[in-house]
Amino acid sequence: MELNPSQEKFLRDIADALELRDYTSEELHDEMYLILKEHGLKPQKAFQAIYRVIIGQKQGPRAASFLLSLDKDFLIKRLRQEE
């Protein structure tokens, strides 16, 4: 599954948000919904982008808790799709 430009920007914005501050699971969940709305993405497409770049699948565990369980530096690089 290729990501469209809106999905790529959504992921970069999540990475930027994670770099700026620490979130609880609930706060990150709310932040992700604000960001996806900014980009006109449906939740399904937004969360598919997250799972695609992190685990190579279309779906996965609850996104906010899952992302916060990962190493922050690793996560930010993956969301930005850096090598």
PDB file of N, CA and C in Angstrom:
ATOM      1  N   MET A   1       0.833  -1.182   0.000  1.00  0.00           N
ATOM      2  CA  MET A   1       0.000   0.000   0.000  1.00  0.00           C
ATOM      3  C   MET A   1       0.880   1.249   0.000  1.00  0.00           C
ATOM      4  N   GLU A   2       0.732   2.028  -1.006  1.00  0.00           N
ATOM      5  CA  GLU A   2       1.453   3.293  -1.076  1.00  0.00           C
ATOM      6  C   GLU A   2       0.693   4.339  -0.278  1.00  0.00           C
ATOM      7  N   LEU A   3       1.423   5.228   0.349  1.00  0.00           N
ATOM      8  CA  LEU A   3       0.789   6.300   1.106  1.00  0.00           C
ATOM      9  C   LEU A   3       0.553   7.493   0.192  1.00  0.00           C
ATOM     10  N   ASN A   4      -0.579   8.160   0.379  1.00  0.00           N
ATOM     11  CA  ASN A   4      -0.829   9.366  -0.397  1.00  0.00           C
ATOM     12  C   ASN A   4      -0.196  10.560   0.339  1.00  0.00           C
ATOM     13  N   PRO A   5      -0.082  11.708  -0.321  1.00  0.00           N
ATOM     14  CA  PRO A   5       0.567  12.867   0.317  1.00  0.00           C
ATOM     15  C   PRO A   5      -0.079  13.284   1.638  1.00  0.00           C
ATOM     16  N   SER A   6      -1.395  13.173   1.752  1.00  0.00           N
ATOM     17  CA  SER A   6      -2.056  13.537   3.007  1.00  0.00           C
ATOM     18  C   SER A   6      -1.651  12.597   4.131  1.00  0.00           C
ATOM     19  N   GLN A   7      -1.541  11.306   3.821  1.00  0.00           N
ATOM     20  CA  GLN A   7      -1.115  10.343   4.835  1.00  0.00           C
ATOM     21  C   GLN A   7       0.325  10.614   5.263  1.00  0.00           C
ATOM     22  N   GLU A   8       1.192  10.926   4.301  1.00  0.00           N
ATOM     23  CA  GLU A   8       2.589  11.202   4.628  1.00  0.00           C
ATOM     24  C   GLU A   8       2.708  12.432   5.520  1.00  0.00           C
ATOM     25  N   LYS A   9       1.945  13.469   5.203  1.00  0.00           N
ATOM     26  CA  LYS A   9       1.969  14.690   6.016  1.00  0.00           C
ATOM     27  C   LYS A   9       1.407  14.408   7.410  1.00  0.00           C
ATOM     28  N   PHE A  10       0.351  13.615   7.489  1.00  0.00           N
ATOM     29  CA  PHE A  10      -0.227  13.209   8.770  1.00  0.00           C
ATOM     30  C   PHE A  10       0.833  12.543   9.646  1.00  0.00           C
ATOM     31  N   LEU A  11       1.585  11.612   9.072  1.00  0.00           N
ATOM     32  CA  LEU A  11       2.628  10.915   9.829  1.00  0.00           C
ATOM     33  C   LEU A  11       3.724  11.877  10.281  1.00  0.00           C
ATOM     34  N   ARG A  12       4.132  12.786   9.402  1.00  0.00           N
ATOM     35  CA  ARG A  12       5.162  13.762   9.779  1.00  0.00           C
ATOM     36  C   ARG A  12       4.673  14.663  10.910  1.00  0.00           C
ATOM     37  N   ASP A  13       3.406  15.050  10.853  1.00  0.00           N
ATOM     38  CA  ASP A  13       2.865  15.903  11.912  1.00  0.00           C
ATOM     39  C   ASP A  13       2.784  15.167  13.249  1.00  0.00           C
ATOM     40  N   ILE A  14       2.488  13.890  13.216  1.00  0.00           N
ATOM     41  CA  ILE A  14       2.510  13.109  14.461  1.00  0.00           C
ATOM     42  C   ILE A  14       3.942  13.057  15.000  1.00  0.00           C
ATOM     43  N   ALA A  15       4.904  12.823  14.116  1.00  0.00           N
ATOM     44  CA  ALA A  15       6.307  12.796  14.541  1.00  0.00           C
ATOM     45  C   ALA A  15       6.698  14.130  15.166  1.00  0.00           C
ATOM     46  N   ASP A  16       6.286  15.233  14.541  1.00  0.00           N
ATOM     47  CA  ASP A  16       6.594  16.558  15.087  1.00  0.00           C
ATOM     48  C   ASP A  16       5.982  16.732  16.471  1.00  0.00           C
ATOM     49  N   ALA A  17       4.729  16.315  16.622  1.00  0.00           N
ATOM     50  CA  ALA A  17       4.047  16.435  17.913  1.00  0.00           C
ATOM     51  C   ALA A  17       4.766  15.620  18.982  1.00  0.00           C
ATOM     52  N   LEU A  18       5.176  14.407  18.641  1.00  0.00           N
ATOM     53  CA  LEU A  18       5.866  13.544  19.594  1.00  0.00           C
ATOM     54  C   LEU A  18       7.225  14.107  19.994  1.00  0.00           C
ATOM     55  N   GLU A  19       7.832  14.839  19.077  1.00  0.00           N
ATOM     56  CA  GLU A  19       9.127  15.443  19.368  1.00  0.00           C
ATOM     57  C   GLU A  19       8.983  16.613  20.344  1.00  0.00           C
ATOM     58  N   LEU A  20       7.851  17.307  20.277  1.00  0.00           N
ATOM     59  CA  LEU A  20       7.655  18.501  21.087  1.00  0.00           C
ATOM     60  C   LEU A  20       7.327  18.219  22.548  1.00  0.00           C
ATOM     61  N   ARG A  21       6.602  17.120  22.800  1.00  0.00           N
ATOM     62  CA  ARG A  21       6.202  16.861  24.180  1.00  0.00           C
ATOM     63  C   ARG A  21       5.882  15.394  24.393  1.00  0.00           C
ATOM     64  N   ASP A  22       5.746  15.035  25.660  1.00  0.00           N
ATOM     65  CA  ASP A  22       5.336  13.686  26.026  1.00  0.00           C
ATOM     66  C   ASP A  22       3.815  13.666  26.171  1.00  0.00           C
ATOM     67  N   TYR A  23       3.215  12.591  25.730  1.00  0.00           N
ATOM     68  CA  TYR A  23       1.760  12.439  25.754  1.00  0.00           C
ATOM     69  C   TYR A  23       1.356  11.230  26.589  1.00  0.00           C
ATOM     70  N   THR A  24       0.173  11.306  27.162  1.00  0.00           N
ATOM     71  CA  THR A  24      -0.471  10.103  27.669  1.00  0.00           C
ATOM     72  C   THR A  24      -1.146   9.457  26.455  1.00  0.00           C
ATOM     73  N   SER A  25      -1.578   8.246  26.617  1.00  0.00           N
ATOM     74  CA  SER A  25      -2.274   7.560  25.530  1.00  0.00           C
ATOM     75  C   SER A  25      -3.508   8.346  25.074  1.00  0.00           C
ATOM     76  N   GLU A  26      -4.281   8.840  26.027  1.00  0.00           N
ATOM     77  CA  GLU A  26      -5.501   9.582  25.688  1.00  0.00           C
ATOM     78  C   GLU A  26      -5.173  10.880  24.969  1.00  0.00           C
ATOM     79  N   GLU A  27      -4.141  11.579  25.433  1.00  0.00           N
ATOM     80  CA  GLU A  27      -3.752  12.838  24.790  1.00  0.00           C
ATOM     81  C   GLU A  27      -3.276  12.607  23.363  1.00  0.00           C
ATOM     82  N   LEU A  28      -2.483  11.561  23.166  1.00  0.00           N
ATOM     83  CA  LEU A  28      -1.993  11.272  21.820  1.00  0.00           C
ATOM     84  C   LEU A  28      -3.146  10.879  20.906  1.00  0.00           C
ATOM     85  N   HIS A  29      -4.073  10.094  21.414  1.00  0.00           N
ATOM     86  CA  HIS A  29      -5.255   9.713  20.642  1.00  0.00           C
ATOM     87  C   HIS A  29      -5.990  10.972  20.163  1.00  0.00           C
ATOM     88  N   ASP A  30      -6.236  11.896  21.074  1.00  0.00           N
ATOM     89  CA  ASP A  30      -6.933  13.135  20.717  1.00  0.00           C
ATOM     90  C   ASP A  30      -6.130  13.948  19.714  1.00  0.00           C
ATOM     91  N   GLU A  31      -4.826  14.025  19.913  1.00  0.00           N
ATOM     92  CA  GLU A  31      -3.955  14.780  18.999  1.00  0.00           C
ATOM     93  C   GLU A  31      -3.982  14.172  17.599  1.00  0.00           C
ATOM     94  N   MET A  32      -3.955  12.848  17.508  1.00  0.00           N
ATOM     95  CA  MET A  32      -4.000  12.195  16.201  1.00  0.00           C
ATOM     96  C   MET A  32      -5.297  12.525  15.470  1.00  0.00           C
ATOM     97  N   TYR A  33      -6.405  12.559  16.198  1.00  0.00           N
ATOM     98  CA  TYR A  33      -7.682  12.899  15.564  1.00  0.00           C
ATOM     99  C   TYR A  33      -7.706  14.354  15.100  1.00  0.00           C
ATOM    100  N   LEU A  34      -7.112  15.262  15.868  1.00  0.00           N
ATOM    101  CA  LEU A  34      -7.027  16.657  15.422  1.00  0.00           C
ATOM    102  C   LEU A  34      -6.202  16.756  14.138  1.00  0.00           C
ATOM    103  N   ILE A  35      -5.081  16.056  14.110  1.00  0.00           N
ATOM    104  CA  ILE A  35      -4.200  16.102  12.938  1.00  0.00           C
ATOM    105  C   ILE A  35      -4.883  15.478  11.722  1.00  0.00           C
ATOM    106  N   LEU A  36      -5.528  14.348  11.880  1.00  0.00           N
ATOM    107  CA  LEU A  36      -6.148  13.714  10.714  1.00  0.00           C
ATOM    108  C   LEU A  36      -7.270  14.586  10.158  1.00  0.00           C
ATOM    109  N   LYS A  37      -7.988  15.290  11.035  1.00  0.00           N
ATOM    110  CA  LYS A  37      -9.027  16.202  10.556  1.00  0.00           C
ATOM    111  C   LYS A  37      -8.423  17.362   9.780  1.00  0.00           C
ATOM    112  N   GLU A  38      -7.257  17.866  10.243  1.00  0.00           N
ATOM    113  CA  GLU A  38      -6.566  18.952   9.542  1.00  0.00           C
ATOM    114  C   GLU A  38      -6.229  18.553   8.109  1.00  0.00           C
ATOM    115  N   HIS A  39      -5.945  17.292   7.901  1.00  0.00           N
ATOM    116  CA  HIS A  39      -5.540  16.812   6.585  1.00  0.00           C
ATOM    117  C   HIS A  39      -6.688  16.199   5.797  1.00  0.00           C
ATOM    118  N   GLY A  40      -7.895  16.284   6.339  1.00  0.00           N
ATOM    119  CA  GLY A  40      -9.064  15.758   5.639  1.00  0.00           C
ATOM    120  C   GLY A  40      -9.033  14.253   5.462  1.00  0.00           C
ATOM    121  N   LEU A  41      -8.388  13.567   6.376  1.00  0.00           N
ATOM    122  CA  LEU A  41      -8.292  12.111   6.295  1.00  0.00           C
ATOM    123  C   LEU A  41      -9.386  11.441   7.115  1.00  0.00           C
ATOM    124  N   LYS A  42      -9.881  10.336   6.610  1.00  0.00           N
ATOM    125  CA  LYS A  42     -10.774   9.503   7.399  1.00  0.00           C
ATOM    126  C   LYS A  42      -9.902   8.712   8.372  1.00  0.00           C
ATOM    127  N   PRO A  43     -10.426   8.448   9.576  1.00  0.00           N
ATOM    128  CA  PRO A  43      -9.614   7.718  10.560  1.00  0.00           C
ATOM    129  C   PRO A  43      -9.017   6.419  10.021  1.00  0.00           C
ATOM    130  N   GLN A  44      -9.791   5.666   9.253  1.00  0.00           N
ATOM    131  CA  GLN A  44      -9.283   4.395   8.737  1.00  0.00           C
ATOM    132  C   GLN A  44      -8.024   4.606   7.899  1.00  0.00           C
ATOM    133  N   LYS A  45      -8.037   5.591   7.008  1.00  0.00           N
ATOM    134  CA  LYS A  45      -6.872   5.851   6.152  1.00  0.00           C
ATOM    135  C   LYS A  45      -5.680   6.357   6.962  1.00  0.00           C
ATOM    136  N   ALA A  46      -5.958   7.178   7.960  1.00  0.00           N
ATOM    137  CA  ALA A  46      -4.885   7.709   8.794  1.00  0.00           C
ATOM    138  C   ALA A  46      -4.205   6.593   9.582  1.00  0.00           C
ATOM    139  N   PHE A  47      -5.015   5.757  10.222  1.00  0.00           N
ATOM    140  CA  PHE A  47      -4.436   4.702  11.048  1.00  0.00           C
ATOM    141  C   PHE A  47      -3.786   3.607  10.199  1.00  0.00           C
ATOM    142  N   GLN A  48      -4.308   3.364   9.010  1.00  0.00           N
ATOM    143  CA  GLN A  48      -3.643   2.417   8.101  1.00  0.00           C
ATOM    144  C   GLN A  48      -2.232   2.896   7.789  1.00  0.00           C
ATOM    145  N   ALA A  49      -2.061   4.200   7.616  1.00  0.00           N
ATOM    146  CA  ALA A  49      -0.732   4.748   7.334  1.00  0.00           C
ATOM    147  C   ALA A  49       0.221   4.481   8.495  1.00  0.00           C
ATOM    148  N   ILE A  50      -0.265   4.655   9.711  1.00  0.00           N
ATOM    149  CA  ILE A  50       0.574   4.383  10.887  1.00  0.00           C
ATOM    150  C   ILE A  50       1.019   2.927  10.902  1.00  0.00           C
ATOM    151  N   TYR A  51       0.060   2.015  10.770  1.00  0.00           N
ATOM    152  CA  TYR A  51       0.399   0.590  10.841  1.00  0.00           C
ATOM    153  C   TYR A  51       1.293   0.168   9.677  1.00  0.00           C
ATOM    154  N   ARG A  52       1.061   0.763   8.520  1.00  0.00           N
ATOM    155  CA  ARG A  52       1.860   0.416   7.333  1.00  0.00           C
ATOM    156  C   ARG A  52       3.343   0.720   7.563  1.00  0.00           C
ATOM    157  N   VAL A  53       3.643   1.916   8.084  1.00  0.00           N
ATOM    158  CA  VAL A  53       5.052   2.283   8.241  1.00  0.00           C
ATOM    159  C   VAL A  53       5.697   1.652   9.476  1.00  0.00           C
ATOM    160  N   ILE A  54       4.890   1.291  10.469  1.00  0.00           N
ATOM    161  CA  ILE A  54       5.474   0.715  11.686  1.00  0.00           C
ATOM    162  C   ILE A  54       5.576  -0.804  11.616  1.00  0.00           C
ATOM    163  N   ILE A  55       4.491  -1.477  11.216  1.00  0.00           N
ATOM    164  CA  ILE A  55       4.502  -2.945  11.238  1.00  0.00           C
ATOM    165  C   ILE A  55       4.206  -3.584   9.882  1.00  0.00           C
ATOM    166  N   GLY A  56       4.026  -2.765   8.842  1.00  0.00           N
ATOM    167  CA  GLY A  56       3.812  -3.319   7.513  1.00  0.00           C
ATOM    168  C   GLY A  56       2.458  -3.984   7.314  1.00  0.00           C
ATOM    169  N   GLN A  57       1.465  -3.599   8.121  1.00  0.00           N
ATOM    170  CA  GLN A  57       0.127  -4.182   8.027  1.00  0.00           C
ATOM    171  C   GLN A  57      -0.902  -3.066   7.890  1.00  0.00           C
ATOM    172  N   LYS A  58      -2.136  -3.449   7.558  1.00  0.00           N
ATOM    173  CA  LYS A  58      -3.205  -2.459   7.427  1.00  0.00           C
ATOM    174  C   LYS A  58      -3.846  -2.102   8.759  1.00  0.00           C
ATOM    175  N   GLN A  59      -3.709  -2.945   9.746  1.00  0.00           N
ATOM    176  CA  GLN A  59      -4.306  -2.671  11.050  1.00  0.00           C
ATOM    177  C   GLN A  59      -3.426  -3.231  12.142  1.00  0.00           C
ATOM    178  N   GLY A  60      -3.725  -2.801  13.360  1.00  0.00           N
ATOM    179  CA  GLY A  60      -2.924  -3.244  14.479  1.00  0.00           C
ATOM    180  C   GLY A  60      -3.601  -2.891  15.785  1.00  0.00           C
ATOM    181  N   PRO A  61      -2.813  -2.879  16.865  1.00  0.00           N
ATOM    182  CA  PRO A  61      -3.380  -2.574  18.178  1.00  0.00           C
ATOM    183  C   PRO A  61      -3.799  -1.104  18.277  1.00  0.00           C
ATOM    184  N   ARG A  62      -4.432  -0.738  19.373  1.00  0.00           N
ATOM    185  CA  ARG A  62      -4.838   0.657  19.569  1.00  0.00           C
ATOM    186  C   ARG A  62      -3.637   1.557  19.339  1.00  0.00           C
ATOM    187  N   ALA A  63      -3.791   2.470  18.414  1.00  0.00           N
ATOM    188  CA  ALA A  63      -2.652   3.227  17.883  1.00  0.00           C
ATOM    189  C   ALA A  63      -1.893   4.022  18.935  1.00  0.00           C
ATOM    190  N   ALA A  64      -2.577   4.817  19.722  1.00  0.00           N
ATOM    191  CA  ALA A  64      -1.868   5.691  20.665  1.00  0.00           C
ATOM    192  C   ALA A  64      -1.044   4.889  21.661  1.00  0.00           C
ATOM    193  N   SER A  65      -1.643   3.896  22.291  1.00  0.00           N
ATOM    194  CA  SER A  65      -0.912   3.064  23.257  1.00  0.00           C
ATOM    195  C   SER A  65       0.234   2.336  22.586  1.00  0.00           C
ATOM    196  N   PHE A  66      -0.002   1.821  21.389  1.00  0.00           N
ATOM    197  CA  PHE A  66       1.027   1.106  20.644  1.00  0.00           C
ATOM    198  C   PHE A  66       2.213   2.024  20.346  1.00  0.00           C
ATOM    199  N   LEU A  67       1.930   3.223  19.825  1.00  0.00           N
ATOM    200  CA  LEU A  67       3.016   4.140  19.489  1.00  0.00           C
ATOM    201  C   LEU A  67       3.823   4.519  20.723  1.00  0.00           C
ATOM    202  N   LEU A  68       3.142   4.754  21.835  1.00  0.00           N
ATOM    203  CA  LEU A  68       3.847   5.142  23.054  1.00  0.00           C
ATOM    204  C   LEU A  68       4.662   4.002  23.654  1.00  0.00           C
ATOM    205  N   SER A  69       4.397   2.778  23.240  1.00  0.00           N
ATOM    206  CA  SER A  69       5.171   1.637  23.742  1.00  0.00           C
ATOM    207  C   SER A  69       6.500   1.478  22.997  1.00  0.00           C
ATOM    208  N   LEU A  70       6.657   2.193  21.888  1.00  0.00           N
ATOM    209  CA  LEU A  70       7.860   2.073  21.063  1.00  0.00           C
ATOM    210  C   LEU A  70       8.918   3.091  21.488  1.00  0.00           C
ATOM    211  N   ASP A  71      10.161   2.807  21.133  1.00  0.00           N
ATOM    212  CA  ASP A  71      11.243   3.754  21.363  1.00  0.00           C
ATOM    213  C   ASP A  71      10.943   5.039  20.593  1.00  0.00           C
ATOM    214  N   LYS A  72      11.023   6.174  21.279  1.00  0.00           N
ATOM    215  CA  LYS A  72      10.616   7.454  20.681  1.00  0.00           C
ATOM    216  C   LYS A  72      11.448   7.807  19.437  1.00  0.00           C
ATOM    217  N   ASP A  73      12.758   7.648  19.498  1.00  0.00           N
ATOM    218  CA  ASP A  73      13.602   7.986  18.346  1.00  0.00           C
ATOM    219  C   ASP A  73      13.280   7.094  17.150  1.00  0.00           C
ATOM    220  N   PHE A  74      13.131   5.804  17.403  1.00  0.00           N
ATOM    221  CA  PHE A  74      12.754   4.856  16.347  1.00  0.00           C
ATOM    222  C   PHE A  74      11.421   5.272  15.732  1.00  0.00           C
ATOM    223  N   LEU A  75      10.459   5.560  16.582  1.00  0.00           N
ATOM    224  CA  LEU A  75       9.121   5.910  16.130  1.00  0.00           C
ATOM    225  C   LEU A  75       9.133   7.158  15.251  1.00  0.00           C
ATOM    226  N   ILE A  76       9.810   8.195  15.681  1.00  0.00           N
ATOM    227  CA  ILE A  76       9.848   9.440  14.917  1.00  0.00           C
ATOM    228  C   ILE A  76      10.492   9.209  13.559  1.00  0.00           C
ATOM    229  N   LYS A  77      11.572   8.444  13.516  1.00  0.00           N
ATOM    230  CA  LYS A  77      12.219   8.145  12.224  1.00  0.00           C
ATOM    231  C   LYS A  77      11.289   7.362  11.304  1.00  0.00           C
ATOM    232  N   ARG A  78      10.570   6.388  11.856  1.00  0.00           N
ATOM    233  CA  ARG A  78       9.649   5.599  11.025  1.00  0.00           C
ATOM    234  C   ARG A  78       8.495   6.443  10.510  1.00  0.00           C
ATOM    235  N   LEU A  79       7.943   7.281  11.373  1.00  0.00           N
ATOM    236  CA  LEU A  79       6.825   8.121  10.942  1.00  0.00           C
ATOM    237  C   LEU A  79       7.251   9.095   9.840  1.00  0.00           C
ATOM    238  N   ARG A  80       8.500   9.535   9.917  1.00  0.00           N
ATOM    239  CA  ARG A  80       9.030  10.428   8.875  1.00  0.00           C
ATOM    240  C   ARG A  80       9.568   9.645   7.688  1.00  0.00           C
ATOM    241  N   GLN A  81       9.524   8.333   7.802  1.00  0.00           N
ATOM    242  CA  GLN A  81       9.987   7.415   6.769  1.00  0.00           C
ATOM    243  C   GLN A  81      11.444   7.674   6.395  1.00  0.00           C
ATOM    244  N   GLU A  82      12.236   7.892   7.454  1.00  0.00           N
ATOM    245  CA  GLU A  82      13.674   8.056   7.289  1.00  0.00           C
ATOM    246  C   GLU A  82      14.319   6.693   7.427  1.00  0.00           C
ATOM    247  N   GLU A  83      15.445   6.525   6.810  1.00  0.00           N
ATOM    248  CA  GLU A  83      16.171   5.255   6.909  1.00  0.00           C
ATOM    249  C   GLU A  83      16.949   5.162   8.190  1.00  0.00           C
TER     250      GLU A  83
END
